[in-house]
Amino acid sequence: MQLEAGGTGRFSVLAHMTYEADDPFAVTIVFSHDGRVLARWRLDRQMLADGMERPVGEGDVRMEPQSTGLWRELRMEFLGEPHTDGGRHRAVILAWAPAVMSFLDETYEVVQTGQEKVCVDGFLAEVIAGG
């Protein structure tokens, strides 16, 4: 994946995407560069899939498909903590769309769309135990 850095162009970042059947609605992406973790985001799996086809998101995460010549990319915009001047930290990541789709296909082999289940009892026990 590549990080779009203001007017200076793009540079490569390592992105590690994971999916766990016990959290079937979420995909986690950890972005790193030069051995340092830059950010960790938990994204909605369906939003990620929808972002491959059309613009999605209104809050801190926004996605949309993008074509640059022969390349199909997924543009992901992440908004972070506010600056002192009232603006917000912002990062734009561009991912090769076929690689993201391949990852999503693998997640559907683990848990098919519509077959996601969440253990409410376990979730409530965690919430109660946490205070």
N, C-alpha and C. Protein backbone atom coordinates (compact mmCIF):
# COMPACT_ATOMS: atom_id res chain seq x y z
N MET A 1 0.85 -1.16 0.00
CA MET A 1 0.00 0.00 0.00
C MET A 1 0.89 1.22 0.00
N GLN A 2 0.30 2.34 -0.36
CA GLN A 2 1.07 3.57 -0.40
C GLN A 2 0.36 4.66 0.40
N LEU A 3 1.16 5.47 1.07
CA LEU A 3 0.67 6.62 1.82
C LEU A 3 0.84 7.83 0.93
N GLU A 4 -0.24 8.58 0.74
CA GLU A 4 -0.18 9.82 -0.02
C GLU A 4 0.18 10.93 0.95
N ALA A 5 1.33 11.53 0.75
CA ALA A 5 1.85 12.50 1.70
C ALA A 5 1.79 13.91 1.12
N GLY A 6 0.66 14.59 1.36
CA GLY A 6 0.52 15.98 0.93
C GLY A 6 0.95 16.19 -0.50
N GLY A 7 1.76 17.19 -0.74
CA GLY A 7 2.22 17.48 -2.08
C GLY A 7 3.50 16.76 -2.45
N THR A 8 3.98 15.86 -1.60
CA THR A 8 5.26 15.20 -1.87
C THR A 8 5.11 13.86 -2.58
N GLY A 9 3.90 13.48 -2.95
CA GLY A 9 3.70 12.21 -3.64
C GLY A 9 3.36 11.08 -2.70
N ARG A 10 3.76 9.87 -3.09
CA ARG A 10 3.42 8.66 -2.34
C ARG A 10 4.68 7.94 -1.89
N PHE A 11 4.55 7.22 -0.77
CA PHE A 11 5.62 6.31 -0.41
C PHE A 11 4.99 5.04 0.16
N SER A 12 5.70 3.95 0.00
CA SER A 12 5.19 2.64 0.39
C SER A 12 5.14 2.49 1.89
N VAL A 13 4.08 1.85 2.36
CA VAL A 13 3.95 1.46 3.76
C VAL A 13 3.53 0.00 3.77
N LEU A 14 3.99 -0.71 4.78
CA LEU A 14 3.60 -2.10 4.96
C LEU A 14 2.23 -2.11 5.62
N ALA A 15 1.33 -2.91 5.09
CA ALA A 15 0.00 -3.04 5.69
C ALA A 15 -0.26 -4.52 5.94
N HIS A 16 -0.57 -4.83 7.18
CA HIS A 16 -0.88 -6.20 7.56
C HIS A 16 -2.38 -6.26 7.87
N MET A 17 -3.12 -7.01 7.03
CA MET A 17 -4.57 -7.11 7.20
C MET A 17 -4.89 -8.46 7.86
N THR A 18 -5.76 -8.42 8.88
CA THR A 18 -6.16 -9.65 9.55
C THR A 18 -7.68 -9.71 9.68
N TYR A 19 -8.16 -10.94 9.76
CA TYR A 19 -9.59 -11.19 9.94
C TYR A 19 -9.73 -12.36 10.89
N GLU A 20 -10.62 -12.23 11.87
CA GLU A 20 -10.84 -13.27 12.87
C GLU A 20 -12.31 -13.67 12.85
N ALA A 21 -12.58 -14.95 12.81
CA ALA A 21 -13.96 -15.45 12.77
C ALA A 21 -14.74 -15.06 14.02
N ASP A 22 -14.06 -14.88 15.16
CA ASP A 22 -14.78 -14.51 16.38
C ASP A 22 -15.14 -13.02 16.43
N ASP A 23 -14.68 -12.24 15.46
CA ASP A 23 -15.07 -10.83 15.30
C ASP A 23 -15.42 -10.65 13.82
N PRO A 24 -16.52 -11.29 13.39
CA PRO A 24 -16.78 -11.46 11.96
C PRO A 24 -17.11 -10.20 11.17
N PHE A 25 -17.41 -9.11 11.83
CA PHE A 25 -17.75 -7.89 11.10
C PHE A 25 -16.55 -6.99 10.87
N ALA A 26 -15.41 -7.30 11.49
CA ALA A 26 -14.26 -6.40 11.47
C ALA A 26 -13.06 -6.96 10.72
N VAL A 27 -12.33 -6.04 10.11
CA VAL A 27 -11.03 -6.31 9.51
C VAL A 27 -10.06 -5.35 10.20
N THR A 28 -8.91 -5.85 10.60
CA THR A 28 -7.90 -4.98 11.22
C THR A 28 -6.77 -4.77 10.23
N ILE A 29 -6.35 -3.52 10.10
CA ILE A 29 -5.20 -3.19 9.25
C ILE A 29 -4.19 -2.46 10.13
N VAL A 30 -2.96 -2.98 10.14
CA VAL A 30 -1.86 -2.33 10.85
C VAL A 30 -0.90 -1.79 9.80
N PHE A 31 -0.67 -0.48 9.83
CA PHE A 31 0.23 0.18 8.90
C PHE A 31 1.56 0.42 9.59
N SER A 32 2.66 0.08 8.90
CA SER A 32 3.97 0.32 9.50
C SER A 32 4.95 0.77 8.42
N HIS A 33 6.02 1.41 8.88
CA HIS A 33 7.07 1.88 7.99
C HIS A 33 8.37 1.89 8.78
N ASP A 34 9.42 1.34 8.18
CA ASP A 34 10.74 1.27 8.83
C ASP A 34 10.65 0.64 10.22
N GLY A 35 9.83 -0.41 10.35
CA GLY A 35 9.72 -1.13 11.61
C GLY A 35 8.88 -0.46 12.68
N ARG A 36 8.28 0.67 12.37
CA ARG A 36 7.44 1.38 13.34
C ARG A 36 5.98 1.26 12.94
N VAL A 37 5.12 0.97 13.91
CA VAL A 37 3.68 0.95 13.64
C VAL A 37 3.21 2.40 13.56
N LEU A 38 2.63 2.74 12.42
CA LEU A 38 2.12 4.09 12.22
C LEU A 38 0.69 4.22 12.72
N ALA A 39 -0.11 3.19 12.47
CA ALA A 39 -1.53 3.24 12.87
C ALA A 39 -2.11 1.84 12.82
N ARG A 40 -3.16 1.66 13.61
CA ARG A 40 -3.92 0.41 13.62
C ARG A 40 -5.39 0.80 13.54
N TRP A 41 -6.09 0.29 12.53
CA TRP A 41 -7.50 0.61 12.34
C TRP A 41 -8.31 -0.67 12.26
N ARG A 42 -9.45 -0.69 12.94
CA ARG A 42 -10.43 -1.78 12.81
C ARG A 42 -11.54 -1.23 11.92
N LEU A 43 -11.74 -1.90 10.81
CA LEU A 43 -12.71 -1.44 9.81
C LEU A 43 -13.84 -2.43 9.68
N ASP A 44 -14.98 -1.95 9.31
CA ASP A 44 -16.13 -2.80 9.02
C ASP A 44 -15.88 -3.54 7.71
N ARG A 45 -15.99 -4.87 7.73
CA ARG A 45 -15.71 -5.67 6.54
C ARG A 45 -16.62 -5.28 5.39
N GLN A 46 -17.90 -5.05 5.65
CA GLN A 46 -18.83 -4.70 4.58
C GLN A 46 -18.51 -3.32 4.01
N MET A 47 -18.09 -2.40 4.86
CA MET A 47 -17.71 -1.08 4.38
C MET A 47 -16.50 -1.18 3.45
N LEU A 48 -15.55 -2.03 3.81
CA LEU A 48 -14.38 -2.23 2.97
C LEU A 48 -14.79 -2.78 1.61
N ALA A 49 -15.70 -3.75 1.60
CA ALA A 49 -16.18 -4.32 0.34
C ALA A 49 -16.96 -3.27 -0.47
N ASP A 50 -17.82 -2.51 0.19
CA ASP A 50 -18.59 -1.48 -0.49
C ASP A 50 -17.69 -0.40 -1.08
N GLY A 51 -16.60 -0.07 -0.36
CA GLY A 51 -15.66 0.93 -0.83
C GLY A 51 -14.95 0.54 -2.11
N MET A 52 -14.97 -0.75 -2.43
CA MET A 52 -14.37 -1.21 -3.69
C MET A 52 -15.26 -0.82 -4.88
N GLU A 53 -16.54 -0.56 -4.61
CA GLU A 53 -17.51 -0.29 -5.68
C GLU A 53 -17.98 1.16 -5.76
N ARG A 54 -18.02 1.85 -4.59
CA ARG A 54 -18.57 3.20 -4.55
C ARG A 54 -18.04 3.93 -3.32
N PRO A 55 -18.13 5.26 -3.30
CA PRO A 55 -17.69 6.00 -2.11
C PRO A 55 -18.54 5.64 -0.89
N VAL A 56 -17.89 5.41 0.25
CA VAL A 56 -18.57 5.10 1.50
C VAL A 56 -17.88 5.84 2.64
N GLY A 57 -18.63 6.04 3.74
CA GLY A 57 -18.08 6.64 4.94
C GLY A 57 -18.39 8.11 5.06
N GLU A 58 -18.71 8.50 6.29
CA GLU A 58 -19.01 9.90 6.57
C GLU A 58 -18.22 10.41 7.77
N GLY A 59 -17.67 9.52 8.56
CA GLY A 59 -16.99 9.91 9.79
C GLY A 59 -15.49 9.93 9.63
N ASP A 60 -14.81 9.17 10.50
CA ASP A 60 -13.35 9.16 10.54
C ASP A 60 -12.72 8.32 9.45
N VAL A 61 -13.51 7.48 8.79
CA VAL A 61 -12.98 6.62 7.73
C VAL A 61 -13.85 6.80 6.48
N ARG A 62 -13.19 7.04 5.36
CA ARG A 62 -13.89 7.18 4.09
C ARG A 62 -13.12 6.37 3.04
N MET A 63 -13.86 5.73 2.16
CA MET A 63 -13.24 4.91 1.12
C MET A 63 -13.93 5.14 -0.21
N GLU A 64 -13.16 4.94 -1.28
CA GLU A 64 -13.75 5.00 -2.62
C GLU A 64 -12.82 4.33 -3.62
N PRO A 65 -13.43 3.76 -4.67
CA PRO A 65 -12.59 3.18 -5.72
C PRO A 65 -11.96 4.30 -6.53
N GLN A 66 -10.80 4.01 -7.08
CA GLN A 66 -10.09 5.01 -7.86
C GLN A 66 -9.36 4.29 -8.98
N SER A 67 -9.43 4.84 -10.18
CA SER A 67 -8.70 4.27 -11.31
C SER A 67 -7.63 5.24 -11.76
N THR A 68 -6.43 4.72 -11.93
CA THR A 68 -5.33 5.53 -12.46
C THR A 68 -4.74 4.75 -13.63
N GLY A 69 -5.28 5.00 -14.80
CA GLY A 69 -4.84 4.26 -15.97
C GLY A 69 -5.25 2.81 -15.87
N LEU A 70 -4.28 1.91 -15.90
CA LEU A 70 -4.56 0.48 -15.81
C LEU A 70 -4.78 0.01 -14.38
N TRP A 71 -4.40 0.82 -13.40
CA TRP A 71 -4.48 0.44 -12.00
C TRP A 71 -5.84 0.74 -11.40
N ARG A 72 -6.39 -0.22 -10.69
CA ARG A 72 -7.58 0.01 -9.87
C ARG A 72 -7.12 0.04 -8.43
N GLU A 73 -7.46 1.10 -7.73
CA GLU A 73 -7.04 1.25 -6.35
C GLU A 73 -8.25 1.49 -5.45
N LEU A 74 -8.04 1.24 -4.17
CA LEU A 74 -8.99 1.62 -3.14
C LEU A 74 -8.34 2.77 -2.38
N ARG A 75 -9.02 3.91 -2.38
CA ARG A 75 -8.52 5.09 -1.65
C ARG A 75 -9.19 5.09 -0.28
N MET A 76 -8.37 5.06 0.77
CA MET A 76 -8.87 5.07 2.14
C MET A 76 -8.35 6.33 2.83
N GLU A 77 -9.28 7.11 3.35
CA GLU A 77 -8.92 8.33 4.06
C GLU A 77 -9.26 8.14 5.53
N PHE A 78 -8.29 8.40 6.40
CA PHE A 78 -8.45 8.24 7.84
C PHE A 78 -8.25 9.60 8.51
N LEU A 79 -9.21 9.99 9.33
CA LEU A 79 -9.10 11.24 10.08
C LEU A 79 -8.82 10.91 11.53
N GLY A 80 -7.83 11.59 12.09
CA GLY A 80 -7.42 11.30 13.46
C GLY A 80 -7.70 12.43 14.42
N GLU A 81 -6.84 12.53 15.41
CA GLU A 81 -7.00 13.52 16.49
C GLU A 81 -6.93 14.94 15.94
N PRO A 82 -7.62 15.85 16.63
CA PRO A 82 -7.59 17.26 16.19
C PRO A 82 -6.22 17.91 16.44
N HIS A 83 -5.89 18.83 15.56
CA HIS A 83 -4.71 19.70 15.75
C HIS A 83 -5.13 20.84 16.68
N THR A 84 -4.16 21.55 17.21
CA THR A 84 -4.46 22.71 18.05
C THR A 84 -5.13 23.82 17.25
N ASP A 85 -4.91 23.85 15.92
CA ASP A 85 -5.52 24.90 15.08
C ASP A 85 -6.95 24.55 14.65
N GLY A 86 -7.47 23.42 15.14
CA GLY A 86 -8.84 23.04 14.78
C GLY A 86 -8.93 22.04 13.64
N GLY A 87 -7.85 21.88 12.88
CA GLY A 87 -7.83 20.86 11.82
C GLY A 87 -7.68 19.47 12.44
N ARG A 88 -7.60 18.47 11.60
CA ARG A 88 -7.42 17.11 12.10
C ARG A 88 -6.28 16.43 11.37
N HIS A 89 -5.61 15.52 12.07
CA HIS A 89 -4.64 14.67 11.41
C HIS A 89 -5.37 13.89 10.34
N ARG A 90 -4.72 13.68 9.20
CA ARG A 90 -5.37 13.01 8.07
C ARG A 90 -4.32 12.17 7.35
N ALA A 91 -4.74 10.96 6.98
CA ALA A 91 -3.86 10.09 6.19
C ALA A 91 -4.68 9.51 5.05
N VAL A 92 -4.06 9.44 3.89
CA VAL A 92 -4.69 8.82 2.73
C VAL A 92 -3.82 7.65 2.31
N ILE A 93 -4.44 6.47 2.28
CA ILE A 93 -3.75 5.25 1.88
C ILE A 93 -4.37 4.77 0.58
N LEU A 94 -3.53 4.35 -0.34
CA LEU A 94 -4.00 3.80 -1.61
C LEU A 94 -3.55 2.35 -1.69
N ALA A 95 -4.51 1.48 -1.91
CA ALA A 95 -4.24 0.04 -1.96
C ALA A 95 -4.61 -0.49 -3.34
N TRP A 96 -3.84 -1.46 -3.81
CA TRP A 96 -4.12 -2.11 -5.08
C TRP A 96 -5.41 -2.91 -4.91
N ALA A 97 -6.46 -2.53 -5.63
CA ALA A 97 -7.79 -3.11 -5.44
C ALA A 97 -7.83 -4.63 -5.59
N PRO A 98 -7.16 -5.24 -6.58
CA PRO A 98 -7.22 -6.71 -6.66
C PRO A 98 -6.67 -7.41 -5.42
N ALA A 99 -5.67 -6.83 -4.76
CA ALA A 99 -5.14 -7.45 -3.54
C ALA A 99 -6.15 -7.35 -2.40
N VAL A 100 -6.83 -6.22 -2.28
CA VAL A 100 -7.85 -6.07 -1.23
C VAL A 100 -9.00 -7.03 -1.50
N MET A 101 -9.42 -7.15 -2.75
CA MET A 101 -10.51 -8.06 -3.09
C MET A 101 -10.13 -9.50 -2.80
N SER A 102 -8.89 -9.86 -3.08
CA SER A 102 -8.41 -11.21 -2.79
C SER A 102 -8.47 -11.48 -1.29
N PHE A 103 -8.05 -10.51 -0.49
CA PHE A 103 -8.13 -10.66 0.97
C PHE A 103 -9.59 -10.83 1.41
N LEU A 104 -10.48 -9.99 0.88
CA LEU A 104 -11.89 -10.10 1.24
C LEU A 104 -12.45 -11.47 0.86
N ASP A 105 -12.08 -11.97 -0.31
CA ASP A 105 -12.54 -13.30 -0.72
C ASP A 105 -12.13 -14.36 0.29
N GLU A 106 -10.91 -14.24 0.82
CA GLU A 106 -10.44 -15.18 1.84
C GLU A 106 -11.27 -15.07 3.12
N THR A 107 -11.69 -13.85 3.48
CA THR A 107 -12.51 -13.70 4.69
C THR A 107 -13.88 -14.34 4.49
N TYR A 108 -14.40 -14.29 3.26
CA TYR A 108 -15.71 -14.89 2.99
C TYR A 108 -15.64 -16.42 3.05
N GLU A 109 -14.45 -16.99 2.82
CA GLU A 109 -14.28 -18.43 2.99
C GLU A 109 -14.34 -18.81 4.47
N VAL A 110 -13.93 -17.91 5.35
CA VAL A 110 -13.96 -18.16 6.78
C VAL A 110 -15.37 -17.96 7.32
N VAL A 111 -15.98 -16.81 7.01
CA VAL A 111 -17.36 -16.51 7.42
C VAL A 111 -18.05 -15.83 6.24
N GLN A 112 -19.04 -16.50 5.68
CA GLN A 112 -19.76 -15.95 4.54
C GLN A 112 -20.59 -14.74 4.95
N THR A 113 -20.81 -13.85 3.99
CA THR A 113 -21.69 -12.71 4.22
C THR A 113 -23.07 -13.22 4.63
N GLY A 114 -23.63 -12.62 5.67
CA GLY A 114 -24.93 -13.04 6.17
C GLY A 114 -24.86 -14.13 7.22
N GLN A 115 -23.69 -14.74 7.39
CA GLN A 115 -23.51 -15.81 8.38
C GLN A 115 -22.77 -15.32 9.63
N GLU A 116 -22.49 -14.01 9.70
CA GLU A 116 -21.79 -13.47 10.85
C GLU A 116 -22.67 -13.60 12.09
N LYS A 117 -22.05 -14.01 13.18
CA LYS A 117 -22.75 -14.13 14.46
C LYS A 117 -21.84 -13.56 15.55
N VAL A 118 -22.47 -12.90 16.50
CA VAL A 118 -21.73 -12.35 17.62
C VAL A 118 -22.30 -12.96 18.89
N CYS A 119 -21.42 -13.40 19.76
CA CYS A 119 -21.83 -13.98 21.04
C CYS A 119 -22.17 -12.83 22.00
N VAL A 120 -23.45 -12.51 22.11
CA VAL A 120 -23.88 -11.40 22.95
C VAL A 120 -23.57 -11.66 24.42
N ASP A 121 -23.74 -12.90 24.88
CA ASP A 121 -23.45 -13.22 26.28
C ASP A 121 -21.98 -12.94 26.61
N GLY A 122 -21.09 -13.34 25.73
CA GLY A 122 -19.67 -13.10 25.95
C GLY A 122 -19.35 -11.62 25.95
N PHE A 123 -19.96 -10.88 25.03
CA PHE A 123 -19.76 -9.44 24.94
C PHE A 123 -20.23 -8.76 26.23
N LEU A 124 -21.42 -9.10 26.70
CA LEU A 124 -21.96 -8.50 27.92
C LEU A 124 -21.10 -8.85 29.14
N ALA A 125 -20.61 -10.07 29.20
CA ALA A 125 -19.72 -10.46 30.30
C ALA A 125 -18.46 -9.61 30.30
N GLU A 126 -17.90 -9.33 29.11
CA GLU A 126 -16.72 -8.48 29.00
C GLU A 126 -17.01 -7.07 29.48
N VAL A 127 -18.15 -6.52 29.05
CA VAL A 127 -18.52 -5.17 29.43
C VAL A 127 -18.71 -5.05 30.94
N ILE A 128 -19.41 -6.02 31.52
CA ILE A 128 -19.66 -6.00 32.96
C ILE A 128 -18.36 -6.17 33.75
N ALA A 129 -17.49 -7.05 33.29
CA ALA A 129 -16.22 -7.29 33.97
C ALA A 129 -15.32 -6.06 33.90
N GLY A 130 -15.44 -5.30 32.79
CA GLY A 130 -14.61 -4.12 32.59
C GLY A 130 -15.02 -2.93 33.43
N GLY A 131 -16.15 -3.01 34.08
CA GLY A 131 -16.48 -1.95 34.98
C GLY A 131 -17.71 -1.22 34.67
